[in-house]
Amino acid sequence: MIHTEKPDIFDPIFEVVSCYVEHDGKILLLHRQDHKSEGDCWGLPAGKVDEGESIAEAVIREVQEETGQKIIEENLNYVGKVYVKYPDYDFIYHIFKTVISEEPIITLSEGEHKAYQWEAPAKAMDLKLVRDLDECIKMTYSI
């Protein structure tokens, strides 16, 4: 469950970054490999922040690792963060957005994702998304 305000009882064990990569009114979605956590679901380029890494450095690294795309910090917009409480652990989820003018060639990290697609945010709601991504899309795009 996601919270926009920090819950009273909240003990995050890590931080996660994600990025809405937008092109022509659509966002890039990645289809997770079956063996991954939340396998066979669609999500954003995302991952954990490494020790000593800023959240901007982490999202730039994750987008490049998962899609082959190099984005620069000046083109990142910080959407905000939410506090995520799962039954077994808590974490902080940072959300970024970047808009690209030309549709890029996406090179997937095969160990992590099996497909990608560009989808309008409202249409993305029809897909089997990773847990709570639907709520994040609604918040970000006022759906």
N, C-alpha and C. Protein backbone atom coordinates (compact mmCIF):
# COMPACT_ATOMS: atom_id res chain seq x y z
N MET A 1 0.84 -1.17 0.00
CA MET A 1 0.00 0.00 0.00
C MET A 1 0.89 1.24 0.00
N ILE A 2 0.52 2.22 -0.80
CA ILE A 2 1.30 3.45 -0.87
C ILE A 2 0.64 4.56 -0.07
N HIS A 3 1.49 5.44 0.44
CA HIS A 3 1.03 6.58 1.23
C HIS A 3 1.76 7.83 0.72
N THR A 4 1.04 8.91 0.61
CA THR A 4 1.68 10.16 0.20
C THR A 4 2.32 10.87 1.39
N GLU A 5 1.87 10.57 2.59
CA GLU A 5 2.46 11.08 3.82
C GLU A 5 3.12 9.92 4.55
N LYS A 6 4.22 10.20 5.21
CA LYS A 6 4.94 9.14 5.93
C LYS A 6 4.06 8.59 7.06
N PRO A 7 3.81 7.28 7.04
CA PRO A 7 2.99 6.67 8.10
C PRO A 7 3.70 6.77 9.46
N ASP A 8 2.92 6.72 10.53
CA ASP A 8 3.49 6.79 11.88
C ASP A 8 4.48 5.67 12.12
N ILE A 9 4.10 4.48 11.73
CA ILE A 9 4.99 3.33 11.89
C ILE A 9 5.52 3.00 10.50
N PHE A 10 6.77 3.39 10.26
CA PHE A 10 7.37 3.22 8.94
C PHE A 10 8.86 3.02 9.11
N ASP A 11 9.38 1.90 8.66
CA ASP A 11 10.79 1.57 8.81
C ASP A 11 11.34 1.08 7.46
N PRO A 12 11.71 2.03 6.58
CA PRO A 12 12.16 1.62 5.24
C PRO A 12 13.49 0.88 5.28
N ILE A 13 13.57 -0.19 4.49
CA ILE A 13 14.82 -0.95 4.43
C ILE A 13 15.63 -0.61 3.18
N PHE A 14 15.03 0.09 2.22
CA PHE A 14 15.74 0.57 1.04
C PHE A 14 14.92 1.65 0.36
N GLU A 15 15.52 2.27 -0.66
CA GLU A 15 14.83 3.26 -1.49
C GLU A 15 14.85 2.77 -2.93
N VAL A 16 13.78 3.05 -3.64
CA VAL A 16 13.63 2.66 -5.04
C VAL A 16 13.39 3.92 -5.87
N VAL A 17 13.94 3.92 -7.07
CA VAL A 17 13.69 5.01 -8.03
C VAL A 17 12.99 4.42 -9.25
N SER A 18 12.18 5.25 -9.89
CA SER A 18 11.56 4.85 -11.15
C SER A 18 11.44 6.07 -12.04
N CYS A 19 11.20 5.82 -13.33
CA CYS A 19 11.12 6.94 -14.26
C CYS A 19 10.06 6.70 -15.32
N TYR A 20 9.16 7.67 -15.45
CA TYR A 20 8.26 7.69 -16.59
C TYR A 20 9.06 8.26 -17.75
N VAL A 21 9.41 7.43 -18.70
CA VAL A 21 10.07 7.88 -19.92
C VAL A 21 8.94 8.13 -20.91
N GLU A 22 8.72 9.39 -21.26
CA GLU A 22 7.60 9.77 -22.12
C GLU A 22 8.06 10.12 -23.52
N HIS A 23 7.25 9.68 -24.49
CA HIS A 23 7.44 10.07 -25.88
C HIS A 23 6.08 10.13 -26.54
N ASP A 24 5.77 11.25 -27.16
CA ASP A 24 4.53 11.40 -27.93
C ASP A 24 3.29 11.05 -27.10
N GLY A 25 3.28 11.49 -25.83
CA GLY A 25 2.12 11.27 -24.96
C GLY A 25 2.00 9.87 -24.39
N LYS A 26 3.00 9.05 -24.61
CA LYS A 26 2.97 7.68 -24.11
C LYS A 26 4.15 7.46 -23.17
N ILE A 27 4.00 6.47 -22.28
CA ILE A 27 5.07 6.13 -21.36
C ILE A 27 5.63 4.75 -21.72
N LEU A 28 6.91 4.58 -21.43
CA LEU A 28 7.58 3.32 -21.69
C LEU A 28 7.30 2.36 -20.55
N LEU A 29 6.78 1.19 -20.89
CA LEU A 29 6.52 0.13 -19.91
C LEU A 29 7.36 -1.08 -20.26
N LEU A 30 7.88 -1.72 -19.22
CA LEU A 30 8.74 -2.89 -19.38
C LEU A 30 8.04 -4.11 -18.79
N HIS A 31 8.06 -5.22 -19.54
CA HIS A 31 7.40 -6.46 -19.12
C HIS A 31 8.43 -7.32 -18.38
N ARG A 32 8.20 -7.53 -17.10
CA ARG A 32 9.16 -8.24 -16.25
C ARG A 32 9.24 -9.72 -16.59
N GLN A 33 10.46 -10.26 -16.53
CA GLN A 33 10.65 -11.70 -16.72
C GLN A 33 9.87 -12.46 -15.65
N ASP A 34 9.43 -13.65 -16.00
CA ASP A 34 8.61 -14.46 -15.09
C ASP A 34 9.31 -14.76 -13.78
N HIS A 35 10.62 -14.98 -13.80
CA HIS A 35 11.35 -15.37 -12.60
C HIS A 35 11.64 -14.20 -11.65
N LYS A 36 11.40 -12.99 -12.09
CA LYS A 36 11.67 -11.81 -11.25
C LYS A 36 10.52 -11.60 -10.25
N SER A 37 10.81 -10.85 -9.21
CA SER A 37 9.76 -10.45 -8.29
C SER A 37 8.69 -9.71 -9.11
N GLU A 38 7.44 -10.00 -8.87
CA GLU A 38 6.32 -9.45 -9.65
C GLU A 38 6.48 -9.78 -11.13
N GLY A 39 6.94 -10.99 -11.39
CA GLY A 39 7.14 -11.45 -12.77
C GLY A 39 5.88 -11.43 -13.59
N ASP A 40 6.05 -11.30 -14.89
CA ASP A 40 4.97 -11.25 -15.87
C ASP A 40 4.07 -10.02 -15.70
N CYS A 41 4.57 -9.00 -15.02
CA CYS A 41 3.83 -7.75 -14.86
C CYS A 41 4.58 -6.65 -15.60
N TRP A 42 3.87 -5.57 -15.88
CA TRP A 42 4.44 -4.41 -16.55
C TRP A 42 4.82 -3.36 -15.52
N GLY A 43 5.96 -2.72 -15.73
CA GLY A 43 6.41 -1.68 -14.83
C GLY A 43 7.24 -0.65 -15.56
N LEU A 44 7.77 0.27 -14.81
CA LEU A 44 8.63 1.33 -15.33
C LEU A 44 10.09 0.92 -15.20
N PRO A 45 10.99 1.58 -15.90
CA PRO A 45 12.40 1.41 -15.56
C PRO A 45 12.56 1.83 -14.09
N ALA A 46 13.10 0.93 -13.28
CA ALA A 46 13.14 1.18 -11.85
C ALA A 46 14.14 0.26 -11.18
N GLY A 47 14.51 0.62 -9.97
CA GLY A 47 15.38 -0.25 -9.18
C GLY A 47 15.82 0.42 -7.89
N LYS A 48 16.54 -0.34 -7.10
CA LYS A 48 17.01 0.13 -5.80
C LYS A 48 18.16 1.12 -5.95
N VAL A 49 18.22 2.03 -5.01
CA VAL A 49 19.31 2.99 -4.92
C VAL A 49 20.48 2.28 -4.24
N ASP A 50 21.65 2.32 -4.88
CA ASP A 50 22.85 1.71 -4.30
C ASP A 50 23.44 2.62 -3.23
N GLU A 51 24.16 2.02 -2.31
CA GLU A 51 24.81 2.79 -1.25
C GLU A 51 25.74 3.84 -1.84
N GLY A 52 25.64 5.07 -1.32
CA GLY A 52 26.48 6.16 -1.77
C GLY A 52 26.00 6.85 -3.04
N GLU A 53 24.89 6.40 -3.58
CA GLU A 53 24.36 6.92 -4.84
C GLU A 53 23.22 7.90 -4.54
N SER A 54 23.17 9.01 -5.27
CA SER A 54 22.02 9.91 -5.14
C SER A 54 20.83 9.29 -5.88
N ILE A 55 19.65 9.78 -5.59
CA ILE A 55 18.48 9.22 -6.29
C ILE A 55 18.53 9.55 -7.78
N ALA A 56 19.07 10.71 -8.14
CA ALA A 56 19.21 11.06 -9.56
C ALA A 56 20.20 10.13 -10.24
N GLU A 57 21.33 9.86 -9.60
CA GLU A 57 22.31 8.93 -10.17
C GLU A 57 21.70 7.54 -10.32
N ALA A 58 20.91 7.13 -9.34
CA ALA A 58 20.29 5.80 -9.38
C ALA A 58 19.31 5.68 -10.54
N VAL A 59 18.48 6.69 -10.75
CA VAL A 59 17.48 6.57 -11.82
C VAL A 59 18.16 6.62 -13.19
N ILE A 60 19.20 7.42 -13.32
CA ILE A 60 19.94 7.47 -14.59
C ILE A 60 20.56 6.10 -14.87
N ARG A 61 21.16 5.50 -13.85
CA ARG A 61 21.77 4.17 -14.00
C ARG A 61 20.72 3.12 -14.34
N GLU A 62 19.60 3.12 -13.64
CA GLU A 62 18.56 2.11 -13.87
C GLU A 62 17.97 2.23 -15.27
N VAL A 63 17.70 3.44 -15.73
CA VAL A 63 17.14 3.61 -17.08
C VAL A 63 18.14 3.07 -18.11
N GLN A 64 19.41 3.38 -17.93
CA GLN A 64 20.41 2.90 -18.89
C GLN A 64 20.54 1.38 -18.84
N GLU A 65 20.60 0.81 -17.64
CA GLU A 65 20.74 -0.65 -17.52
C GLU A 65 19.55 -1.39 -18.12
N GLU A 66 18.36 -0.86 -17.92
CA GLU A 66 17.15 -1.58 -18.31
C GLU A 66 16.67 -1.28 -19.71
N THR A 67 17.10 -0.14 -20.30
CA THR A 67 16.59 0.23 -21.62
C THR A 67 17.69 0.58 -22.63
N GLY A 68 18.91 0.77 -22.14
CA GLY A 68 20.00 1.21 -23.01
C GLY A 68 20.00 2.70 -23.27
N GLN A 69 19.06 3.43 -22.67
CA GLN A 69 18.96 4.88 -22.91
C GLN A 69 19.75 5.67 -21.90
N LYS A 70 20.52 6.64 -22.41
CA LYS A 70 21.27 7.53 -21.54
C LYS A 70 20.47 8.81 -21.39
N ILE A 71 20.10 9.10 -20.16
CA ILE A 71 19.42 10.36 -19.90
C ILE A 71 20.33 11.20 -19.01
N ILE A 72 20.17 12.50 -19.12
CA ILE A 72 21.00 13.38 -18.30
C ILE A 72 20.14 14.02 -17.22
N GLU A 73 20.80 14.33 -16.13
CA GLU A 73 20.07 14.83 -14.95
C GLU A 73 19.24 16.08 -15.26
N GLU A 74 19.74 16.94 -16.14
CA GLU A 74 19.01 18.17 -16.47
C GLU A 74 17.66 17.89 -17.13
N ASN A 75 17.51 16.70 -17.73
CA ASN A 75 16.25 16.34 -18.38
C ASN A 75 15.31 15.55 -17.48
N LEU A 76 15.70 15.37 -16.22
CA LEU A 76 14.86 14.65 -15.27
C LEU A 76 14.00 15.61 -14.47
N ASN A 77 12.76 15.27 -14.28
CA ASN A 77 11.87 16.02 -13.41
C ASN A 77 11.48 15.12 -12.26
N TYR A 78 11.68 15.60 -11.04
CA TYR A 78 11.32 14.82 -9.87
C TYR A 78 9.84 15.00 -9.60
N VAL A 79 9.08 13.93 -9.72
CA VAL A 79 7.63 13.97 -9.49
C VAL A 79 7.35 13.98 -8.00
N GLY A 80 8.10 13.18 -7.25
CA GLY A 80 7.90 13.11 -5.80
C GLY A 80 8.19 11.72 -5.29
N LYS A 81 7.81 11.50 -4.04
CA LYS A 81 8.03 10.19 -3.45
C LYS A 81 6.77 9.74 -2.73
N VAL A 82 6.66 8.43 -2.61
CA VAL A 82 5.59 7.83 -1.83
C VAL A 82 6.24 6.85 -0.85
N TYR A 83 5.51 6.56 0.18
CA TYR A 83 5.97 5.64 1.21
C TYR A 83 5.20 4.33 1.02
N VAL A 84 5.94 3.26 0.86
CA VAL A 84 5.31 1.97 0.53
C VAL A 84 5.43 1.04 1.73
N LYS A 85 4.28 0.51 2.13
CA LYS A 85 4.22 -0.47 3.22
C LYS A 85 3.69 -1.78 2.66
N TYR A 86 4.54 -2.78 2.69
CA TYR A 86 4.14 -4.14 2.35
C TYR A 86 4.09 -4.93 3.65
N PRO A 87 3.45 -6.06 3.67
CA PRO A 87 3.37 -6.83 4.92
C PRO A 87 4.75 -7.16 5.52
N ASP A 88 5.74 -7.40 4.66
CA ASP A 88 7.05 -7.83 5.15
C ASP A 88 8.09 -6.73 5.26
N TYR A 89 7.88 -5.59 4.61
CA TYR A 89 8.90 -4.53 4.63
C TYR A 89 8.31 -3.22 4.13
N ASP A 90 9.04 -2.13 4.41
CA ASP A 90 8.68 -0.78 3.97
C ASP A 90 9.82 -0.24 3.10
N PHE A 91 9.47 0.65 2.16
CA PHE A 91 10.50 1.33 1.38
C PHE A 91 9.97 2.67 0.87
N ILE A 92 10.91 3.51 0.47
CA ILE A 92 10.58 4.82 -0.11
C ILE A 92 10.72 4.69 -1.63
N TYR A 93 9.72 5.19 -2.35
CA TYR A 93 9.66 5.07 -3.81
C TYR A 93 9.71 6.47 -4.42
N HIS A 94 10.81 6.79 -5.10
CA HIS A 94 11.01 8.09 -5.74
C HIS A 94 10.61 7.98 -7.21
N ILE A 95 9.85 8.96 -7.68
CA ILE A 95 9.32 8.93 -9.03
C ILE A 95 9.86 10.12 -9.83
N PHE A 96 10.41 9.80 -10.99
CA PHE A 96 10.93 10.81 -11.91
C PHE A 96 10.17 10.72 -13.23
N LYS A 97 10.34 11.77 -14.02
CA LYS A 97 9.75 11.81 -15.37
C LYS A 97 10.77 12.46 -16.29
N THR A 98 10.86 11.95 -17.52
CA THR A 98 11.65 12.60 -18.55
C THR A 98 10.88 12.49 -19.86
N VAL A 99 10.97 13.53 -20.66
CA VAL A 99 10.28 13.56 -21.95
C VAL A 99 11.35 13.54 -23.04
N ILE A 100 11.19 12.63 -24.00
CA ILE A 100 12.13 12.56 -25.11
C ILE A 100 11.39 12.87 -26.40
N SER A 101 12.07 13.57 -27.28
CA SER A 101 11.39 14.04 -28.50
C SER A 101 11.34 12.99 -29.60
N GLU A 102 12.37 12.16 -29.69
CA GLU A 102 12.39 11.13 -30.73
C GLU A 102 12.29 9.75 -30.09
N GLU A 103 11.49 8.88 -30.70
CA GLU A 103 11.34 7.54 -30.15
C GLU A 103 12.68 6.81 -30.22
N PRO A 104 13.18 6.37 -29.08
CA PRO A 104 14.50 5.73 -29.06
C PRO A 104 14.42 4.24 -29.40
N ILE A 105 15.57 3.69 -29.69
CA ILE A 105 15.70 2.24 -29.82
C ILE A 105 15.93 1.71 -28.41
N ILE A 106 15.06 0.85 -27.96
CA ILE A 106 15.15 0.30 -26.61
C ILE A 106 15.91 -1.02 -26.66
N THR A 107 16.91 -1.14 -25.80
CA THR A 107 17.68 -2.37 -25.66
C THR A 107 17.42 -2.89 -24.25
N LEU A 108 16.64 -3.96 -24.18
CA LEU A 108 16.26 -4.50 -22.88
C LEU A 108 17.38 -5.29 -22.23
N SER A 109 17.39 -5.26 -20.91
CA SER A 109 18.24 -6.15 -20.13
C SER A 109 17.49 -7.48 -20.06
N GLU A 110 17.93 -8.46 -20.86
CA GLU A 110 17.17 -9.70 -21.03
C GLU A 110 16.92 -10.45 -19.73
N GLY A 111 17.82 -10.33 -18.76
CA GLY A 111 17.61 -11.01 -17.50
C GLY A 111 16.48 -10.41 -16.68
N GLU A 112 16.11 -9.18 -17.00
CA GLU A 112 15.09 -8.50 -16.22
C GLU A 112 13.75 -8.35 -16.94
N HIS A 113 13.79 -8.09 -18.25
CA HIS A 113 12.55 -7.80 -18.99
C HIS A 113 12.49 -8.59 -20.28
N LYS A 114 11.26 -8.94 -20.66
CA LYS A 114 11.08 -9.73 -21.88
C LYS A 114 10.44 -8.94 -23.02
N ALA A 115 9.93 -7.76 -22.73
CA ALA A 115 9.30 -6.95 -23.78
C ALA A 115 9.14 -5.52 -23.26
N TYR A 116 8.81 -4.64 -24.19
CA TYR A 116 8.49 -3.26 -23.82
C TYR A 116 7.39 -2.77 -24.74
N GLN A 117 6.72 -1.72 -24.30
CA GLN A 117 5.75 -1.06 -25.17
C GLN A 117 5.53 0.36 -24.69
N TRP A 118 5.11 1.19 -25.63
CA TRP A 118 4.75 2.58 -25.34
C TRP A 118 3.23 2.60 -25.20
N GLU A 119 2.74 3.19 -24.13
CA GLU A 119 1.31 3.19 -23.88
C GLU A 119 0.88 4.51 -23.25
N ALA A 120 -0.28 5.01 -23.64
CA ALA A 120 -0.84 6.19 -22.98
C ALA A 120 -1.08 5.84 -21.51
N PRO A 121 -0.84 6.78 -20.59
CA PRO A 121 -1.02 6.46 -19.18
C PRO A 121 -2.38 5.85 -18.85
N ALA A 122 -3.46 6.40 -19.38
CA ALA A 122 -4.79 5.84 -19.09
C ALA A 122 -4.93 4.42 -19.63
N LYS A 123 -4.38 4.17 -20.79
CA LYS A 123 -4.44 2.84 -21.41
C LYS A 123 -3.57 1.83 -20.65
N ALA A 124 -2.51 2.31 -20.02
CA ALA A 124 -1.64 1.43 -19.24
C ALA A 124 -2.41 0.77 -18.10
N MET A 125 -3.46 1.40 -17.65
CA MET A 125 -4.27 0.86 -16.55
C MET A 125 -4.91 -0.48 -16.93
N ASP A 126 -5.00 -0.78 -18.22
CA ASP A 126 -5.59 -2.04 -18.68
C ASP A 126 -4.61 -3.21 -18.59
N LEU A 127 -3.34 -2.92 -18.34
CA LEU A 127 -2.32 -3.96 -18.30
C LEU A 127 -2.19 -4.53 -16.88
N LYS A 128 -1.58 -5.69 -16.80
CA LYS A 128 -1.25 -6.29 -15.50
C LYS A 128 0.03 -5.59 -15.02
N LEU A 129 -0.14 -4.62 -14.12
CA LEU A 129 0.96 -3.77 -13.66
C LEU A 129 1.55 -4.30 -12.35
N VAL A 130 2.81 -3.92 -12.09
CA VAL A 130 3.40 -4.25 -10.80
C VAL A 130 2.56 -3.58 -9.71
N ARG A 131 2.64 -4.12 -8.54
CA ARG A 131 1.84 -3.67 -7.41
C ARG A 131 1.95 -2.16 -7.21
N ASP A 132 0.82 -1.50 -7.10
CA ASP A 132 0.68 -0.07 -6.80
C ASP A 132 1.06 0.88 -7.93
N LEU A 133 1.54 0.36 -9.07
CA LEU A 133 1.87 1.27 -10.17
C LEU A 133 0.63 1.97 -10.69
N ASP A 134 -0.51 1.30 -10.66
CA ASP A 134 -1.74 1.95 -11.10
C ASP A 134 -2.02 3.22 -10.29
N GLU A 135 -1.83 3.14 -8.98
CA GLU A 135 -2.06 4.31 -8.14
C GLU A 135 -1.05 5.42 -8.43
N CYS A 136 0.19 5.04 -8.69
CA CYS A 136 1.21 6.04 -9.01
C CYS A 136 0.91 6.72 -10.34
N ILE A 137 0.46 5.96 -11.33
CA ILE A 137 0.08 6.55 -12.62
C ILE A 137 -1.09 7.50 -12.43
N LYS A 138 -2.08 7.09 -11.66
CA LYS A 138 -3.23 7.97 -11.41
C LYS A 138 -2.80 9.28 -10.76
N MET A 139 -1.90 9.18 -9.79
CA MET A 139 -1.43 10.39 -9.09
C MET A 139 -0.62 11.29 -10.04
N THR A 140 0.26 10.70 -10.80
CA THR A 140 1.15 11.47 -11.67
C THR A 140 0.41 12.13 -12.83
N TYR A 141 -0.54 11.39 -13.41
CA TYR A 141 -1.23 11.88 -14.61
C TYR A 141 -2.66 12.32 -14.36
N SER A 142 -3.04 12.44 -13.11
CA SER A 142 -4.40 12.91 -12.71
C SER A 142 -5.50 12.14 -13.43
N ILE A 143 -5.39 10.84 -13.41
CA ILE A 143 -6.40 9.98 -14.06
C ILE A 143 -7.48 9.65 -13.04
